[in-house]
Every structure is written in C-alpha cells, then in structure tokens.
Protein backbone atom coordinates (compact mmCIF):
# COMPACT_ATOMS: atom_id res chain seq x y z
CA UNK A 1 95.63 97.81 100.06
CA UNK A 2 96.09 101.04 101.96
CA UNK A 3 93.17 101.93 104.22
CA UNK A 4 93.16 105.38 102.66
CA UNK A 5 92.37 103.76 99.30
CA UNK A 6 89.15 102.14 100.54
CA UNK A 7 86.23 104.22 99.30
CA UNK A 8 82.98 103.96 97.40
CA UNK A 9 80.48 106.27 95.80
CA UNK A 10 77.08 106.84 97.35
CA UNK A 11 74.53 106.69 94.57
CA UNK A 12 71.19 105.68 96.07
CA UNK A 13 69.63 109.12 95.94
CA UNK A 14 69.43 112.46 97.67
CA UNK A 15 67.40 114.17 100.37
CA UNK A 16 65.77 117.55 99.73
CA UNK A 17 64.23 120.06 102.11
CA UNK A 18 60.90 119.95 100.30
CA UNK A 19 60.64 116.22 101.06
CA UNK A 20 61.07 116.60 104.83
CA UNK A 21 58.08 116.29 107.18
CA UNK A 22 57.73 118.87 109.92
CA UNK A 23 58.12 116.15 112.59
CA UNK A 24 61.40 114.17 112.59
CA UNK A 25 59.70 111.08 114.00
CA UNK A 26 57.75 110.69 110.77
CA UNK A 27 60.94 110.55 108.73
CA UNK A 28 62.61 108.20 111.23
CA UNK A 29 59.66 105.82 111.10
CA UNK A 30 59.76 105.83 107.30
CA UNK A 31 63.53 105.25 107.15
CA UNK A 32 63.42 102.50 109.78
CA UNK A 33 60.71 100.67 107.86
CA UNK A 34 62.77 100.93 104.68
CA UNK A 35 65.79 99.53 106.54
CA UNK A 36 63.65 96.60 107.71
CA UNK A 37 62.19 96.05 104.23
CA UNK A 38 65.71 96.09 102.74
CA UNK A 39 66.63 93.13 104.94
CA UNK A 40 69.35 94.91 106.89
CA UNK A 41 70.91 92.91 109.72
CA UNK A 42 69.72 94.29 113.05
CA UNK A 43 68.02 97.44 111.71
CA UNK A 44 67.08 98.44 115.27
CA UNK A 45 70.69 98.28 116.49
CA UNK A 46 71.94 101.65 117.65
CA UNK A 47 75.13 102.95 119.18
CA UNK A 48 74.52 104.48 122.61
CA UNK A 49 77.09 107.04 123.78
CA UNK A 50 77.43 108.22 127.38
CA UNK A 51 80.10 110.11 129.31
CA UNK A 52 81.69 109.22 132.64
CA UNK A 53 82.50 111.60 135.50
CA UNK A 54 85.90 112.48 134.01
CA UNK A 55 84.39 113.38 130.63
CA UNK A 56 85.51 110.15 128.93
CA UNK A 57 82.96 109.09 126.28
CA UNK A 58 81.87 105.43 125.99
CA UNK A 59 79.92 103.72 123.23
CA UNK A 60 78.14 100.40 122.95
CA UNK A 61 75.46 98.88 120.72
CA UNK A 62 71.98 98.12 122.05
CA UNK A 63 68.61 97.43 120.41
CA UNK A 64 65.86 100.00 120.11
CA UNK A 65 62.70 98.46 121.57
CA UNK A 66 60.12 101.20 121.15
CA UNK A 67 59.77 104.78 119.99
CA UNK A 68 56.98 107.34 120.00
CA UNK A 69 56.68 111.12 120.48
CA UNK A 70 57.76 110.67 124.11
CA UNK A 71 61.14 109.18 123.17
CA UNK A 72 63.29 106.21 122.22
CA UNK A 73 63.35 103.19 124.57
CA UNK A 74 66.05 100.64 125.38
CA UNK A 75 66.65 98.21 128.25
CA UNK A 76 69.75 97.35 130.26
CA UNK A 77 71.17 96.13 133.57
CA UNK A 78 71.02 99.02 136.05
CA UNK A 79 74.41 97.96 137.38
CA UNK A 80 76.02 98.39 133.97
CA UNK A 81 78.57 101.03 133.11
CA UNK A 82 76.10 102.92 130.92
CA UNK A 83 73.55 103.06 133.75
CA UNK A 84 76.15 104.31 136.23
CA UNK A 85 77.20 107.02 133.80
CA UNK A 86 73.62 108.07 133.09
CA UNK A 87 73.02 108.39 136.83
CA UNK A 88 75.74 111.07 136.87
CA UNK A 89 74.99 112.66 133.50
CA UNK A 90 71.70 111.98 131.73
CA UNK A 91 72.85 113.44 128.40
CA UNK A 92 73.01 110.73 125.73
CA UNK A 93 73.58 110.22 122.02
CA UNK A 94 72.11 107.53 119.74
CA UNK A 95 73.33 106.57 116.27
CA UNK A 96 71.75 104.28 113.67
CA UNK A 97 74.32 103.20 111.02
CA UNK A 98 72.30 101.96 108.06
CA UNK A 99 75.30 101.71 105.72
CA UNK A 100 73.81 99.33 103.09
CA UNK A 101 71.13 101.90 102.24
CA UNK A 102 73.59 104.80 102.64
CA UNK A 103 71.81 106.41 105.56
CA UNK A 104 72.53 107.37 109.15
CA UNK A 105 70.45 108.93 111.91
CA UNK A 106 72.03 110.69 114.88
CA UNK A 107 70.00 111.64 117.96
CA UNK A 108 70.89 113.69 121.03
CA UNK A 109 68.80 113.96 124.15
CA UNK A 110 68.46 113.09 127.81
CA UNK A 111 67.71 109.69 129.29
CA UNK A 112 65.16 109.07 132.00
CA UNK A 113 64.48 105.77 133.75
CA UNK A 114 61.40 103.81 132.80
CA UNK A 115 58.85 102.95 135.45
CA UNK A 116 59.05 99.52 137.11
CA UNK A 117 55.72 98.61 135.50
CA UNK A 118 57.04 99.40 131.99
CA UNK A 119 60.18 97.35 132.58
CA UNK A 120 58.32 94.38 134.07
CA UNK A 121 55.92 94.31 131.13
CA UNK A 122 58.79 94.10 128.67
CA UNK A 123 60.86 91.65 130.76
CA UNK A 124 58.02 89.13 130.90
CA UNK A 125 57.66 89.31 127.10
CA UNK A 126 61.28 88.22 126.52
CA UNK A 127 62.24 84.60 125.73
CA UNK A 128 62.93 82.63 128.89
CA UNK A 129 66.60 82.16 128.00
CA UNK A 130 67.00 85.94 127.70
CA UNK A 131 65.35 86.40 131.09
CA UNK A 132 67.79 83.91 132.61
CA UNK A 133 70.73 85.61 130.92
CA UNK A 134 69.76 88.86 132.64
CA UNK A 135 70.19 87.10 135.99
CA UNK A 136 73.40 85.33 134.94
CA UNK A 137 75.29 88.39 133.75
CA UNK A 138 76.49 91.10 136.11
CA UNK A 139 76.87 93.47 133.19
CA UNK A 140 80.20 95.31 132.85
CA UNK A 141 81.77 93.37 135.76
CA UNK A 142 85.14 91.69 135.11
CA UNK A 143 85.06 87.95 134.35
CA UNK A 144 87.81 85.43 134.97
CA UNK A 145 86.65 83.26 132.05
CA UNK A 146 83.64 82.72 129.79
CA UNK A 147 83.07 79.35 131.49
CA UNK A 148 82.08 81.21 134.67
CA UNK A 149 79.31 83.00 132.80
CA UNK A 150 78.12 79.86 131.03
CA UNK A 151 78.20 77.91 134.29
CA UNK A 152 76.06 80.53 136.03
CA UNK A 153 73.60 80.50 133.13
CA UNK A 154 73.22 76.70 133.24
CA UNK A 155 72.82 76.79 137.02
CA UNK A 156 69.99 79.32 136.77
CA UNK A 157 68.39 77.55 133.81
CA UNK A 158 68.10 74.43 135.95
CA UNK A 159 66.82 76.45 138.91
CA UNK A 160 64.06 78.10 136.90
CA UNK A 161 63.24 75.15 134.64
CA UNK A 162 59.95 74.38 136.33
CA UNK A 163 58.56 77.88 136.68
CA UNK A 164 58.66 81.52 135.74
CA UNK A 165 61.83 83.57 135.94
CA UNK A 166 61.39 86.26 138.61
CA UNK A 167 61.81 89.90 137.67
CA UNK A 168 65.29 91.15 138.65
CA UNK A 169 65.18 94.49 140.46
CA UNK A 170 68.58 95.39 138.98
CA UNK A 171 67.19 95.30 135.44
CA UNK A 172 65.63 98.39 133.89
CA UNK A 173 65.35 100.67 130.92
CA UNK A 174 65.52 104.24 129.67
CA UNK A 175 63.50 106.59 127.53
CA UNK A 176 65.57 109.07 125.57
CA UNK A 177 63.81 112.43 125.32
CA UNK A 178 64.97 113.84 121.98
CA UNK A 179 66.56 117.27 121.64
CA UNK A 180 67.88 116.88 118.10
CA UNK A 181 67.79 114.41 115.21
CA UNK A 182 70.13 114.49 112.20
CA UNK A 183 69.34 112.58 109.02
CA UNK A 184 72.27 111.75 106.72
CA UNK A 185 71.84 110.52 103.16
CA UNK A 186 74.92 109.56 101.16
CA UNK A 187 75.59 111.55 97.98
CA UNK A 188 77.88 111.32 94.99
CA UNK A 189 81.37 112.86 95.22
CA UNK A 190 80.96 113.08 99.02
CA UNK A 191 78.28 115.74 98.61
CA UNK A 192 76.10 114.09 101.23
CA UNK A 193 72.74 115.48 102.33
CA UNK A 194 72.41 116.26 106.05
CA UNK A 195 69.41 117.78 107.78
CA UNK A 196 69.29 118.64 111.46
CA UNK A 197 66.01 118.89 113.40
CA UNK A 198 66.40 120.82 116.66
CA UNK A 199 63.63 121.13 119.22
CA UNK A 200 62.24 124.61 119.76
CA UNK A 201 59.54 124.21 122.39
CA UNK A 202 56.82 122.13 120.77
CA UNK A 203 58.13 122.85 117.28
CA UNK A 204 61.18 121.71 115.32
CA UNK A 205 63.70 123.93 113.55
CA UNK A 206 65.28 122.36 110.45
CA UNK A 207 68.70 123.23 109.02
CA UNK A 208 70.69 121.77 106.16
CA UNK A 209 74.28 120.99 107.21
CA UNK A 210 77.33 120.91 104.99
CA UNK A 211 78.63 117.34 104.46
C-alpha cells in the first residue's frame, strides 16, 4: 500500500466555541481525564520540543507529572540535551497526541527550573529502581553498548541495596509557563476543529483556526 493511501475519517464529534471554558486549563483537565478513562496508553506522554544554539529543533517524549495554573511540570537529567538547550533558550513547545480519541493539544511557553525542594520531593516518591536509573544514566551521552548501561545499573543497585538512594544534584525539573494552548478535535472530511487560546495578561483570547 502507498503511504499516501493511508487515511481514515474522524467521526467522534466536534468542538464548538460555545462549549469552550474561558480558561484553557479547564478544558485540558477535562480532555486529559477522558484520555485516561478511555484507557489510552501513556495519556500523560507529551512531546517536548526545544531548539539548540544553531536553531535546530529537537523533540523527545517525556511524561507530564503535574499541572496547575502556574504551569506544566516534567523532570529530567540537567546534563541532558534538552536541559542544555533550555539553558540557552527557554522557549519550549509541548504536544499531547491523543490519536485514539481524535484529539491533540499543543502548548507553547517558557520553561523555568523547579526549586531543589520540589525536585527532591518528587525524586523520593519514585520507585527505587527509577531512582537508581537516574544515577546510572548520563542522559544524552554516547554509549559504547547497552551492556555498559546495564552494568552500571546493577553496580549501583548493589551499592544502594541496604539504604536510601541519595538525591543526585544533576537531576531536576522544569515548569512550563504557558503562553498559548491549541485544542484540536478531528472532524469529518478533514474539517477539523481547532481553537487557540493565547494569553493576554491575566485573560485568554480565543480564536478558531482553519484546519
């Protein structure tokens, strides 16, 4: 089959201006809960896009760990490529691809580092194996073989078997302060519904976008 022949109709429903709340976070919370209730795999998975010093965009998938009116939170190794790029350019884009329910959410904003206290609180709540993995992986560094990573993990697992895993100072997180949020709902005949919330001081301006 030709790739150009792969298509499907989007028939799950539309999105109308009259149904939109004034605050985008209300709609995001509602959609996220529906994605969870629908049994989607990794409903909190989001693509995180950053840009390096030359203007080259990079994307990767991370998990959303918290959101509130102050922003969207995720955690990462501060030596990672994404962290290095955010240190140079704090502008960031998030994307939630909820394809099975024919929805997407796209967010733009700026990332700011979380406080050490916030990061420590979350780190200590993680499973012990995940804490050890944070120590074992020098994120984004080149590896000679997977065995090197697994060997380091087993070495640290043995080292920390009898006690708590210490908090790594190279591990941190970011809060994305939202500037815009776009909600996309699939529609029949490619007549999708798209609404863009853009921040205007303490208020939000809403526009319908052509599909």
